[in-house]
Amino acid sequence: MHRLQPLIRDVADFPRPGILFKDITPLLADSAGLALAVELMANPFRKSNVELVVGAESRGFIFGTAIAQALSVGFVPVRKPGKLPSKKISASYELEYGRDTLEIHADAIRPGQRVLIVDDLLATGGTMKACCELVRQLGAEIVGVSVLIELTSLHGREGLPGTRVECVLAYE
């Protein structure tokens, strides 16, 4: 068993019946667990010349800013609609019951910058695909994707062909 697994709490039937939610709040509250998670998410990319970390709202902000600090680079948020005050671009993606949209400031990333995209969880891959689309629209190079948890049975990685995906904890 991985050292971080005891810090991930399973919550049955959340946010709706039949879902087994992986709750990371105990890990976030544990200083050693949080530090280890950040290091394990950052380490595969330490020699990749990352210039920016992009994180998706909202838990991608938690890990993204910490990883950006660990890599001594800046952080760029990807937000839900209506949250960014300046000119932005957007990408929509499919959810189980509908569609959602993510946005990024149009001047947040320069063409050619090397970007690491971070989130807490990779499930179906919709959020991550939208983040990748936004980064590519701005002309940046995606160095890779780093997630704390991957739910492998949902095949989210398959929706990111040609993209390096690193996860710390994989669950069926």
C-alpha atoms as a PDB file:
ATOM      1  CA  MET A   1       0.000   0.000   0.000  1.00  0.00           C
ATOM      2  CA  HIS A   2       1.235   3.476  -0.873  1.00  0.00           C
ATOM      3  CA  ARG A   3       1.963   5.740   2.120  1.00  0.00           C
ATOM      4  CA  LEU A   4      -0.675   8.222   0.971  1.00  0.00           C
ATOM      5  CA  GLN A   5      -3.558   5.762   0.608  1.00  0.00           C
ATOM      6  CA  PRO A   6      -4.623   5.900   4.284  1.00  0.00           C
ATOM      7  CA  LEU A   7      -5.062   9.666   3.849  1.00  0.00           C
ATOM      8  CA  ILE A   8      -7.654   9.240   1.070  1.00  0.00           C
ATOM      9  CA  ARG A   9     -11.145   8.705   2.478  1.00  0.00           C
ATOM     10  CA  ASP A  10     -13.798   6.813   0.522  1.00  0.00           C
ATOM     11  CA  VAL A  11     -17.260   8.375   0.735  1.00  0.00           C
ATOM     12  CA  ALA A  12     -20.051   6.192  -0.622  1.00  0.00           C
ATOM     13  CA  ASP A  13     -22.899   7.659  -2.672  1.00  0.00           C
ATOM     14  CA  PHE A  14     -21.375  11.120  -3.081  1.00  0.00           C
ATOM     15  CA  PRO A  15     -22.195  13.301  -4.919  1.00  0.00           C
ATOM     16  CA  ARG A  16     -24.973  10.923  -5.956  1.00  0.00           C
ATOM     17  CA  PRO A  17     -25.949   7.281  -5.382  1.00  0.00           C
ATOM     18  CA  GLY A  18     -23.556   4.713  -6.822  1.00  0.00           C
ATOM     19  CA  ILE A  19     -20.474   6.971  -6.754  1.00  0.00           C
ATOM     20  CA  LEU A  20     -17.542   6.127  -4.474  1.00  0.00           C
ATOM     21  CA  PHE A  21     -15.942   9.540  -3.936  1.00  0.00           C
ATOM     22  CA  LYS A  22     -12.209   9.774  -3.198  1.00  0.00           C
ATOM     23  CA  ASP A  23     -12.025  12.505  -0.539  1.00  0.00           C
ATOM     24  CA  ILE A  24      -8.587  14.146  -0.359  1.00  0.00           C
ATOM     25  CA  THR A  25      -9.367  16.493   2.525  1.00  0.00           C
ATOM     26  CA  PRO A  26      -7.656  14.244   5.125  1.00  0.00           C
ATOM     27  CA  LEU A  27      -4.505  14.292   2.969  1.00  0.00           C
ATOM     28  CA  LEU A  28      -4.666  18.083   2.665  1.00  0.00           C
ATOM     29  CA  ALA A  29      -4.922  18.399   6.461  1.00  0.00           C
ATOM     30  CA  ASP A  30      -1.844  16.217   7.031  1.00  0.00           C
ATOM     31  CA  SER A  31       1.317  18.313   6.591  1.00  0.00           C
ATOM     32  CA  ALA A  32       3.579  15.357   5.797  1.00  0.00           C
ATOM     33  CA  GLY A  33       1.012  13.805   3.460  1.00  0.00           C
ATOM     34  CA  LEU A  34       0.466  17.046   1.587  1.00  0.00           C
ATOM     35  CA  ALA A  35       4.206  17.652   1.247  1.00  0.00           C
ATOM     36  CA  LEU A  36       4.761  14.116  -0.017  1.00  0.00           C
ATOM     37  CA  ALA A  37       1.891  14.352  -2.514  1.00  0.00           C
ATOM     38  CA  VAL A  38       3.275  17.601  -3.938  1.00  0.00           C
ATOM     39  CA  GLU A  39       6.781  16.157  -4.250  1.00  0.00           C
ATOM     40  CA  LEU A  40       5.525  12.979  -5.911  1.00  0.00           C
ATOM     41  CA  MET A  41       3.466  15.006  -8.389  1.00  0.00           C
ATOM     42  CA  ALA A  42       6.327  17.409  -9.173  1.00  0.00           C
ATOM     43  CA  ASN A  43       9.285  15.007  -9.267  1.00  0.00           C
ATOM     44  CA  PRO A  44       8.604  13.337 -12.652  1.00  0.00           C
ATOM     45  CA  PHE A  45       8.802  16.791 -14.283  1.00  0.00           C
ATOM     46  CA  ARG A  46      11.816  18.308 -12.472  1.00  0.00           C
ATOM     47  CA  LYS A  47      14.105  17.918 -15.505  1.00  0.00           C
ATOM     48  CA  SER A  48      11.463  18.802 -18.109  1.00  0.00           C
ATOM     49  CA  ASN A  49      12.119  22.556 -18.251  1.00  0.00           C
ATOM     50  CA  VAL A  50       8.590  23.401 -17.158  1.00  0.00           C
ATOM     51  CA  GLU A  51       7.956  27.161 -17.388  1.00  0.00           C
ATOM     52  CA  LEU A  52       4.383  27.330 -16.059  1.00  0.00           C
ATOM     53  CA  VAL A  53       1.956  25.163 -14.146  1.00  0.00           C
ATOM     54  CA  VAL A  54      -1.722  25.306 -15.092  1.00  0.00           C
ATOM     55  CA  GLY A  55      -4.331  24.085 -12.606  1.00  0.00           C
ATOM     56  CA  ALA A  56      -8.057  23.536 -13.042  1.00  0.00           C
ATOM     57  CA  GLU A  57     -10.638  24.906 -10.629  1.00  0.00           C
ATOM     58  CA  SER A  58     -10.801  24.061  -7.878  1.00  0.00           C
ATOM     59  CA  ARG A  59      -8.586  21.347  -6.425  1.00  0.00           C
ATOM     60  CA  GLY A  60      -6.097  21.826  -9.244  1.00  0.00           C
ATOM     61  CA  PHE A  61      -5.397  25.196  -7.618  1.00  0.00           C
ATOM     62  CA  ILE A  62      -4.289  23.496  -4.399  1.00  0.00           C
ATOM     63  CA  PHE A  63      -1.790  21.163  -6.013  1.00  0.00           C
ATOM     64  CA  GLY A  64      -0.933  23.432  -8.933  1.00  0.00           C
ATOM     65  CA  THR A  65       0.318  26.350  -6.857  1.00  0.00           C
ATOM     66  CA  ALA A  66       2.323  24.058  -4.585  1.00  0.00           C
ATOM     67  CA  ILE A  67       3.887  22.268  -7.567  1.00  0.00           C
ATOM     68  CA  ALA A  68       4.633  25.594  -9.257  1.00  0.00           C
ATOM     69  CA  GLN A  69       6.451  26.674  -6.105  1.00  0.00           C
ATOM     70  CA  ALA A  70       8.313  23.347  -5.933  1.00  0.00           C
ATOM     71  CA  LEU A  71       9.421  23.792  -9.566  1.00  0.00           C
ATOM     72  CA  SER A  72      10.150  27.540  -9.128  1.00  0.00           C
ATOM     73  CA  VAL A  73       7.747  28.539 -11.896  1.00  0.00           C
ATOM     74  CA  GLY A  74       4.525  30.532 -12.155  1.00  0.00           C
ATOM     75  CA  PHE A  75       0.948  29.296 -11.863  1.00  0.00           C
ATOM     76  CA  VAL A  76      -2.019  29.962 -14.171  1.00  0.00           C
ATOM     77  CA  PRO A  77      -5.601  29.152 -13.122  1.00  0.00           C
ATOM     78  CA  VAL A  78      -8.216  27.631 -15.401  1.00  0.00           C
ATOM     79  CA  ARG A  79     -11.602  28.770 -14.122  1.00  0.00           C
ATOM     80  CA  LYS A  80     -15.280  28.064 -14.464  1.00  0.00           C
ATOM     81  CA  PRO A  81     -17.197  30.595 -16.583  1.00  0.00           C
ATOM     82  CA  GLY A  82     -17.642  34.123 -15.281  1.00  0.00           C
ATOM     83  CA  LYS A  83     -14.725  34.058 -12.819  1.00  0.00           C
ATOM     84  CA  LEU A  84     -11.953  35.715 -14.841  1.00  0.00           C
ATOM     85  CA  PRO A  85     -12.004  39.508 -15.185  1.00  0.00           C
ATOM     86  CA  SER A  86     -10.032  40.039 -18.403  1.00  0.00           C
ATOM     87  CA  LYS A  87     -10.130  38.800 -22.006  1.00  0.00           C
ATOM     88  CA  LYS A  88     -10.368  35.017 -22.021  1.00  0.00           C
ATOM     89  CA  ILE A  89     -10.757  31.963 -24.214  1.00  0.00           C
ATOM     90  CA  SER A  90     -12.936  28.963 -23.401  1.00  0.00           C
ATOM     91  CA  ALA A  91     -13.290  25.257 -24.053  1.00  0.00           C
ATOM     92  CA  SER A  92     -16.363  23.122 -23.451  1.00  0.00           C
ATOM     93  CA  TYR A  93     -16.414  19.463 -22.545  1.00  0.00           C
ATOM     94  CA  GLU A  94     -18.874  16.655 -21.973  1.00  0.00           C
ATOM     95  CA  LEU A  95     -20.097  15.614 -18.553  1.00  0.00           C
ATOM     96  CA  GLU A  96     -22.126  12.544 -17.740  1.00  0.00           C
ATOM     97  CA  TYR A  97     -25.281  14.697 -17.794  1.00  0.00           C
ATOM     98  CA  GLY A  98     -24.544  17.652 -20.060  1.00  0.00           C
ATOM     99  CA  ARG A  99     -21.684  20.005 -20.833  1.00  0.00           C
ATOM    100  CA  ASP A 100     -19.437  22.350 -18.913  1.00  0.00           C
ATOM    101  CA  THR A 101     -16.962  25.053 -19.876  1.00  0.00           C
ATOM    102  CA  LEU A 102     -13.572  26.197 -18.630  1.00  0.00           C
ATOM    103  CA  GLU A 103     -11.812  29.499 -19.288  1.00  0.00           C
ATOM    104  CA  ILE A 104      -8.302  30.935 -19.170  1.00  0.00           C
ATOM    105  CA  HIS A 105      -7.038  34.479 -19.641  1.00  0.00           C
ATOM    106  CA  ALA A 106      -6.027  34.969 -23.264  1.00  0.00           C
ATOM    107  CA  ASP A 107      -2.683  36.467 -22.213  1.00  0.00           C
ATOM    108  CA  ALA A 108      -1.887  33.950 -19.449  1.00  0.00           C
ATOM    109  CA  ILE A 109       0.500  31.838 -21.523  1.00  0.00           C
ATOM    110  CA  ARG A 110       2.930  32.867 -24.253  1.00  0.00           C
ATOM    111  CA  PRO A 111       3.287  30.776 -27.414  1.00  0.00           C
ATOM    112  CA  GLY A 112       6.025  28.181 -27.025  1.00  0.00           C
ATOM    113  CA  GLN A 113       5.991  28.101 -23.221  1.00  0.00           C
ATOM    114  CA  ARG A 114       6.411  24.673 -21.657  1.00  0.00           C
ATOM    115  CA  VAL A 115       3.385  23.911 -19.478  1.00  0.00           C
ATOM    116  CA  LEU A 116       2.592  21.254 -16.881  1.00  0.00           C
ATOM    117  CA  ILE A 117      -1.133  20.765 -16.254  1.00  0.00           C
ATOM    118  CA  VAL A 118      -2.142  19.689 -12.745  1.00  0.00           C
ATOM    119  CA  ASP A 119      -5.331  18.447 -11.114  1.00  0.00           C
ATOM    120  CA  ASP A 120      -6.241  16.281  -8.155  1.00  0.00           C
ATOM    121  CA  LEU A 121      -8.092  13.616 -10.140  1.00  0.00           C
ATOM    122  CA  LEU A 122      -8.214  12.113 -13.609  1.00  0.00           C
ATOM    123  CA  ALA A 123     -11.510  10.286 -14.130  1.00  0.00           C
ATOM    124  CA  THR A 124     -13.241  10.490 -17.531  1.00  0.00           C
ATOM    125  CA  GLY A 125     -10.724  13.081 -18.699  1.00  0.00           C
ATOM    126  CA  GLY A 126     -13.185  15.816 -19.719  1.00  0.00           C
ATOM    127  CA  THR A 127     -11.685  18.524 -17.527  1.00  0.00           C
ATOM    128  CA  MET A 128      -8.137  17.628 -18.493  1.00  0.00           C
ATOM    129  CA  LYS A 129      -8.954  17.512 -22.212  1.00  0.00           C
ATOM    130  CA  ALA A 130     -10.461  21.004 -21.947  1.00  0.00           C
ATOM    131  CA  CYS A 131      -7.381  22.273 -20.092  1.00  0.00           C
ATOM    132  CA  CYS A 132      -5.114  20.808 -22.774  1.00  0.00           C
ATOM    133  CA  GLU A 133      -7.232  22.409 -25.498  1.00  0.00           C
ATOM    134  CA  LEU A 134      -6.947  25.832 -23.812  1.00  0.00           C
ATOM    135  CA  VAL A 135      -3.177  25.546 -23.413  1.00  0.00           C
ATOM    136  CA  ARG A 136      -2.788  24.493 -27.053  1.00  0.00           C
ATOM    137  CA  GLN A 137      -5.064  27.326 -28.248  1.00  0.00           C
ATOM    138  CA  LEU A 138      -2.567  29.710 -26.658  1.00  0.00           C
ATOM    139  CA  GLY A 139       0.297  28.062 -28.555  1.00  0.00           C
ATOM    140  CA  ALA A 140       2.060  26.473 -25.604  1.00  0.00           C
ATOM    141  CA  GLU A 141       3.730  23.091 -25.409  1.00  0.00           C
ATOM    142  CA  ILE A 142       2.265  20.616 -22.933  1.00  0.00           C
ATOM    143  CA  VAL A 143       5.124  18.920 -21.101  1.00  0.00           C
ATOM    144  CA  GLY A 144       2.720  16.623 -19.298  1.00  0.00           C
ATOM    145  CA  VAL A 145      -0.166  16.122 -16.913  1.00  0.00           C
ATOM    146  CA  SER A 146       0.269  15.384 -13.211  1.00  0.00           C
ATOM    147  CA  VAL A 147      -2.590  14.130 -11.038  1.00  0.00           C
ATOM    148  CA  LEU A 148      -2.755  12.807  -7.517  1.00  0.00           C
ATOM    149  CA  ILE A 149      -5.411  10.177  -8.285  1.00  0.00           C
ATOM    150  CA  GLU A 150      -6.346   8.354 -11.476  1.00  0.00           C
ATOM    151  CA  LEU A 151      -9.533   6.286 -11.701  1.00  0.00           C
ATOM    152  CA  THR A 152      -8.242   3.861 -14.330  1.00  0.00           C
ATOM    153  CA  SER A 153     -11.585   2.156 -15.005  1.00  0.00           C
ATOM    154  CA  LEU A 154     -12.926   5.426 -16.448  1.00  0.00           C
ATOM    155  CA  HIS A 155     -10.169   5.547 -19.114  1.00  0.00           C
ATOM    156  CA  GLY A 156      -9.526   9.303 -18.916  1.00  0.00           C
ATOM    157  CA  ARG A 157      -5.923   8.806 -19.999  1.00  0.00           C
ATOM    158  CA  GLU A 158      -7.138   7.451 -23.345  1.00  0.00           C
ATOM    159  CA  GLY A 159      -8.619  10.872 -24.144  1.00  0.00           C
ATOM    160  CA  LEU A 160      -5.157  12.449 -23.908  1.00  0.00           C
ATOM    161  CA  PRO A 161      -3.235  10.668 -26.689  1.00  0.00           C
ATOM    162  CA  GLY A 162       0.382  11.724 -27.021  1.00  0.00           C
ATOM    163  CA  THR A 163       0.328  13.467 -23.645  1.00  0.00           C
ATOM    164  CA  ARG A 164       2.556  12.256 -20.815  1.00  0.00           C
ATOM    165  CA  VAL A 165       0.306  11.492 -17.826  1.00  0.00           C
ATOM    166  CA  GLU A 166       1.740  10.840 -14.362  1.00  0.00           C
ATOM    167  CA  CYS A 167      -0.363   9.841 -11.358  1.00  0.00           C
ATOM    168  CA  VAL A 168       0.582   9.139  -7.752  1.00  0.00           C
ATOM    169  CA  LEU A 169      -2.311   6.826  -6.846  1.00  0.00           C
ATOM    170  CA  ALA A 170      -4.252   4.669  -9.310  1.00  0.00           C
ATOM    171  CA  TYR A 171      -7.595   3.116  -8.412  1.00  0.00           C
ATOM    172  CA  GLU A 172      -9.897   0.884 -10.480  1.00  0.00           C
END
